[in-house]
Protein backbone atom coordinates (compact mmCIF):
# COMPACT_ATOMS: atom_id res chain seq x y z
CA MET A 1 206.48 67.32 32.68
CA HIS A 2 208.59 65.19 35.03
CA ILE A 3 207.91 61.48 34.72
CA ALA A 4 208.90 58.51 36.86
CA ILE A 5 209.16 55.04 35.33
CA CYS A 6 209.12 52.26 37.92
CA ASP A 7 209.50 48.89 36.20
CA ASP A 8 211.54 45.85 37.20
CA ASN A 9 211.76 44.65 33.59
CA VAL A 10 214.87 46.31 32.12
CA ALA A 11 213.84 45.84 28.48
CA ASP A 12 210.38 47.32 29.06
CA ARG A 13 211.87 50.20 31.02
CA LYS A 14 214.32 51.07 28.24
CA GLN A 15 211.62 50.80 25.60
CA LEU A 16 209.38 53.24 27.46
CA GLU A 17 212.32 55.62 27.86
CA ARG A 18 212.79 55.59 24.08
CA LEU A 19 209.09 56.16 23.42
CA LEU A 20 208.99 59.06 25.86
CA LYS A 21 212.08 60.61 24.29
CA ARG A 22 210.34 60.60 20.90
CA GLU A 23 207.20 62.04 22.44
CA SER A 24 209.27 64.75 24.09
CA GLU A 25 210.65 65.86 20.73
CA LYS A 26 207.14 66.02 19.29
CA ARG A 27 205.82 68.04 22.22
CA LYS A 28 208.63 70.52 22.88
CA ASN A 29 206.83 73.33 21.02
CA THR A 30 203.36 72.53 22.36
CA THR A 31 202.93 70.96 25.80
CA GLY A 32 206.66 71.02 26.56
CA LEU A 33 209.53 68.61 27.02
CA LEU A 34 209.23 65.37 28.95
CA TYR A 35 211.86 64.49 31.55
CA ALA A 36 211.94 60.85 32.64
CA ASP A 37 213.71 59.13 35.54
CA SER A 38 213.82 55.32 35.63
CA PHE A 39 213.74 53.05 38.66
CA GLY A 40 214.19 49.28 38.78
CA ASN A 41 212.52 49.03 42.18
CA SER A 42 210.25 51.16 44.30
CA THR A 43 212.53 51.79 47.29
CA ILE A 44 214.34 54.90 46.05
CA LEU A 45 211.32 56.34 44.27
CA ALA A 46 209.20 55.98 47.42
CA LYS A 47 211.57 58.33 49.26
CA ASN A 48 211.38 61.14 46.71
CA HIS A 49 208.16 60.89 44.74
CA MET A 50 206.44 64.28 45.07
CA GLN A 51 208.57 65.92 42.35
CA TYR A 52 206.89 63.92 39.58
CA ASP A 53 203.88 64.86 37.45
CA LEU A 54 203.24 61.37 36.09
CA PHE A 55 204.11 57.75 36.97
CA PHE A 56 204.37 54.62 34.80
CA ILE A 57 204.45 51.54 37.03
CA ASP A 58 204.79 47.80 36.55
CA MET A 59 206.36 45.82 39.38
CA THR A 60 205.96 42.05 39.18
CA ALA A 61 209.11 40.42 40.59
CA GLU A 62 209.04 41.70 44.16
CA LYS A 63 206.85 43.29 46.80
CA PRO A 64 205.18 45.68 46.69
CA ASP A 65 203.70 44.82 43.29
CA GLY A 66 202.66 47.60 40.94
CA LEU A 67 199.13 48.14 42.23
CA THR A 68 200.16 47.98 45.88
CA PHE A 69 202.93 50.52 45.28
CA ALA A 70 200.56 52.81 43.39
CA LEU A 71 198.11 52.71 46.30
CA GLU A 72 200.97 53.52 48.68
CA LEU A 73 201.83 56.57 46.57
CA VAL A 74 198.23 57.79 46.73
CA LYS A 75 198.17 57.25 50.49
CA SER A 76 201.33 59.36 50.83
CA GLY A 77 199.73 62.28 48.99
CA VAL A 78 200.27 61.65 45.25
CA SER A 79 197.33 63.00 43.24
CA VAL A 80 198.95 63.17 39.78
CA PRO A 81 198.23 60.47 37.17
CA ILE A 82 199.59 56.98 37.83
CA VAL A 83 199.62 54.68 34.80
CA LEU A 84 199.65 50.96 35.62
CA CYS A 85 201.19 49.05 32.72
CA SER A 86 199.95 45.45 32.50
CA SER A 87 202.30 42.63 31.59
CA GLU A 88 202.24 39.58 33.91
CA ILE A 89 199.74 41.28 36.20
CA ASN A 90 196.32 42.33 34.88
CA TYR A 91 196.11 45.68 36.65
CA LEU A 92 192.90 46.62 34.88
CA GLU A 93 191.07 43.70 36.49
CA GLN A 94 192.65 44.46 39.86
CA MET A 95 191.56 48.10 39.60
CA LYS A 96 187.98 47.01 38.90
CA GLU A 97 188.02 44.90 42.06
CA LEU A 98 189.00 47.82 44.29
CA THR A 99 186.24 49.15 46.52
CA SER A 100 187.20 52.66 45.49
CA CYS A 101 189.74 53.01 42.69
CA PRO A 102 191.70 56.29 42.95
CA PRO A 103 190.57 58.73 40.26
CA ASN A 104 194.17 59.41 39.17
CA PHE A 105 194.78 55.78 38.13
CA MET A 106 195.18 55.08 34.41
CA HIS A 107 196.04 51.92 32.48
CA LEU A 108 198.10 50.71 29.51
CA GLU A 109 198.74 47.26 28.10
CA LYS A 110 202.25 46.13 27.27
CA PRO A 111 203.84 46.28 24.81
CA ILE A 112 202.98 49.97 24.88
CA LYS A 113 201.83 51.31 21.52
CA THR A 114 202.85 54.79 20.42
CA ALA A 115 199.30 55.97 19.74
CA GLU A 116 198.07 54.77 23.15
CA LEU A 117 201.03 56.42 24.88
CA THR A 118 200.33 59.69 23.06
CA ASP A 119 196.70 59.58 24.16
CA THR A 120 197.70 58.82 27.77
CA LEU A 121 200.16 61.74 27.83
CA ASP A 122 197.50 64.08 26.45
CA LYS A 123 195.11 63.06 29.23
CA ALA A 124 197.84 63.31 31.86
CA HIS A 125 198.73 66.82 30.70
CA VAL A 126 195.12 67.96 31.16
CA LEU A 127 194.96 66.40 34.63
CA CYS A 128 198.28 67.94 35.67
CA ALA A 129 197.03 71.38 34.66
CA LYS A 130 194.23 70.92 37.21
CA LYS A 131 196.55 69.67 39.95
CA VAL A 132 195.90 71.23 43.34
CA PRO A 133 199.11 72.54 44.99
CA THR A 134 200.19 70.61 48.05
CA ILE A 135 201.81 71.64 51.31
CA GLU A 136 204.53 69.55 52.92
CA LEU A 137 204.14 68.98 56.65
CA ARG A 138 207.26 67.33 58.05
CA SER A 139 207.02 66.01 61.61
CA GLU A 140 209.90 64.37 63.47
CA THR A 141 208.81 60.94 62.22
CA ASP A 142 206.69 61.38 59.08
CA THR A 143 206.05 63.64 56.11
CA TYR A 144 202.52 64.52 55.03
CA TYR A 145 201.36 66.21 51.84
CA VAL A 146 198.11 68.10 52.21
CA THR A 147 196.10 70.70 50.33
CA GLU A 148 195.24 74.18 51.57
CA ASP A 149 191.81 73.13 52.77
CA ASP A 150 193.08 70.05 54.56
CA ILE A 151 194.38 72.49 57.20
CA VAL A 152 191.71 73.70 59.65
CA TYR A 153 193.92 75.60 62.10
CA ALA A 154 197.34 75.59 63.77
CA LEU A 155 198.52 76.58 67.24
CA THR A 156 201.92 77.05 68.83
CA GLU A 157 202.57 74.81 71.82
CA GLY A 158 206.03 75.21 73.31
CA ARG A 159 208.67 74.68 70.61
CA TYR A 160 206.16 73.08 68.27
CA VAL A 161 203.37 74.04 65.92
CA HIS A 162 200.38 71.71 66.08
CA VAL A 163 198.54 71.57 62.75
CA TYR A 164 194.97 70.27 62.91
CA LEU A 165 193.60 68.68 59.73
CA LYS A 166 190.02 68.26 58.57
CA ASP A 167 190.24 64.45 58.75
CA GLY A 168 190.98 64.66 62.48
CA ARG A 169 194.73 64.15 62.31
CA LYS A 170 197.18 66.40 64.12
CA VAL A 171 200.67 66.94 62.74
CA VAL A 172 203.32 68.29 65.12
CA LEU A 173 206.05 70.42 63.51
CA LEU A 174 209.30 71.47 65.14
CA THR A 175 209.11 75.12 64.08
CA ASN A 176 207.52 78.41 65.09
CA MET A 177 204.34 79.96 63.76
CA PHE A 178 206.07 82.65 61.70
CA ASN A 179 208.26 80.12 59.89
CA PHE A 180 205.26 77.89 59.23
CA TYR A 181 203.21 80.81 57.94
CA ASP A 182 206.08 81.84 55.63
CA GLU A 183 205.66 78.46 53.91
CA ILE A 184 201.91 78.80 53.34
CA TYR A 185 201.11 82.52 53.29
CA MET A 186 200.42 82.43 49.54
CA PHE A 187 197.29 80.34 50.13
CA SER A 188 194.41 82.80 50.36
CA HIS A 189 192.31 80.79 52.84
CA ILE A 190 195.01 80.85 55.53
CA VAL A 191 194.85 83.73 58.03
CA LEU A 192 197.50 84.46 60.67
CA ILE A 193 195.69 86.07 63.62
CA ASN A 194 198.45 86.34 66.23
CA ASP A 195 201.98 85.17 66.99
CA HIS A 196 200.73 81.71 67.95
CA ALA A 197 197.73 80.90 65.77
CA LEU A 198 196.42 80.71 62.21
CA PHE A 199 193.28 79.22 60.74
CA ASN A 200 191.51 78.45 57.47
CA ILE A 201 188.76 80.93 56.61
CA ALA A 202 186.76 78.10 54.98
CA TYR A 203 186.11 76.65 58.45
CA MET A 204 185.22 79.87 60.27
CA GLN A 205 181.80 80.14 61.91
CA SER A 206 182.12 83.68 63.29
CA TYR A 207 184.61 86.18 64.67
CA THR A 208 184.89 89.13 67.04
CA PRO A 209 187.87 91.43 67.60
CA PHE A 210 189.12 89.03 70.26
CA LYS A 211 187.98 85.57 69.18
CA VAL A 212 187.51 83.35 66.13
CA THR A 213 185.02 80.49 66.38
CA LEU A 214 185.35 77.63 63.92
CA LYS A 215 182.55 75.43 62.58
CA ASN A 216 183.76 72.54 64.74
CA GLY A 217 183.35 74.66 67.87
CA THR A 218 187.04 75.45 68.37
CA LYS A 219 187.66 78.95 69.70
CA ILE A 220 190.94 80.75 69.01
CA LYS A 221 192.12 84.00 70.57
CA SER A 222 192.42 86.84 68.09
CA THR A 223 193.32 90.53 68.17
CA PRO A 224 191.59 93.64 66.80
CA PHE A 225 194.58 94.09 64.48
CA ALA A 226 193.75 90.77 62.77
CA SER A 227 190.15 91.74 61.99
CA LYS A 228 191.00 93.45 58.69
CA TYR A 229 192.87 90.34 57.47
CA ILE A 230 189.99 88.07 58.47
CA LYS A 231 187.51 90.34 56.67
CA SER A 232 189.67 90.45 53.52
CA ALA A 233 190.13 86.66 53.45
CA LEU A 234 186.40 86.15 54.03
CA GLN A 235 185.48 88.44 51.14
CA MET A 236 187.82 86.57 48.81
CA PHE A 237 186.48 83.21 49.98
CA GLN A 238 182.86 84.26 49.51
CA ALA A 239 183.65 85.60 46.03
CA GLU A 240 185.07 82.26 44.89
CA THR A 241 182.37 80.13 46.54
CA PRO A 242 179.31 79.42 44.37
């Protein structure tokens, strides 16, 4: 498990590093070693955060504070556990005041006790085992992390691939359809139907040898050659759907 510690208190940061090192030794033959990277501010971590399976955060001396930074991580696509560690800021109370607290938020009080840390790591390990794989969509200005079923369909337009998401967003990638498909072909819901189009079988309404109609009314040109791949993907999707 790869862990990020983001804490602007040096002593607390070092103490957590020591506790995690001990936990790592205890877990190496069971749940596996723990690898921790420490950050004194959020700037660097914010640029390279998707590699981590777990976060411990307490930022009190500068903006963004711990809760604000944690919410920014969630907004950017982080779905793994984020542990807010209360010292000067009572994160537990702040979390209760949120209209909708992210389900991956957890909480610890400082000073962190060994037993409570062990329990938190056990819970985090279970949650990480259920983590849904994400897909990186990198436009010319932003990077988005989405799941397989966030993608409804994608079309080639000129030198770009336009990816349409279920929340209504469109992400424009400077690539071609074959390169994009190479990055996501392992996801069983994604079907490439011609040189310029792919779609998610979960959103298909119907299909003919020459056309796929999605549930939102979008129609995409297909080919008879693609019919067998559509049928195969549909059978797999129906088998896994209750």
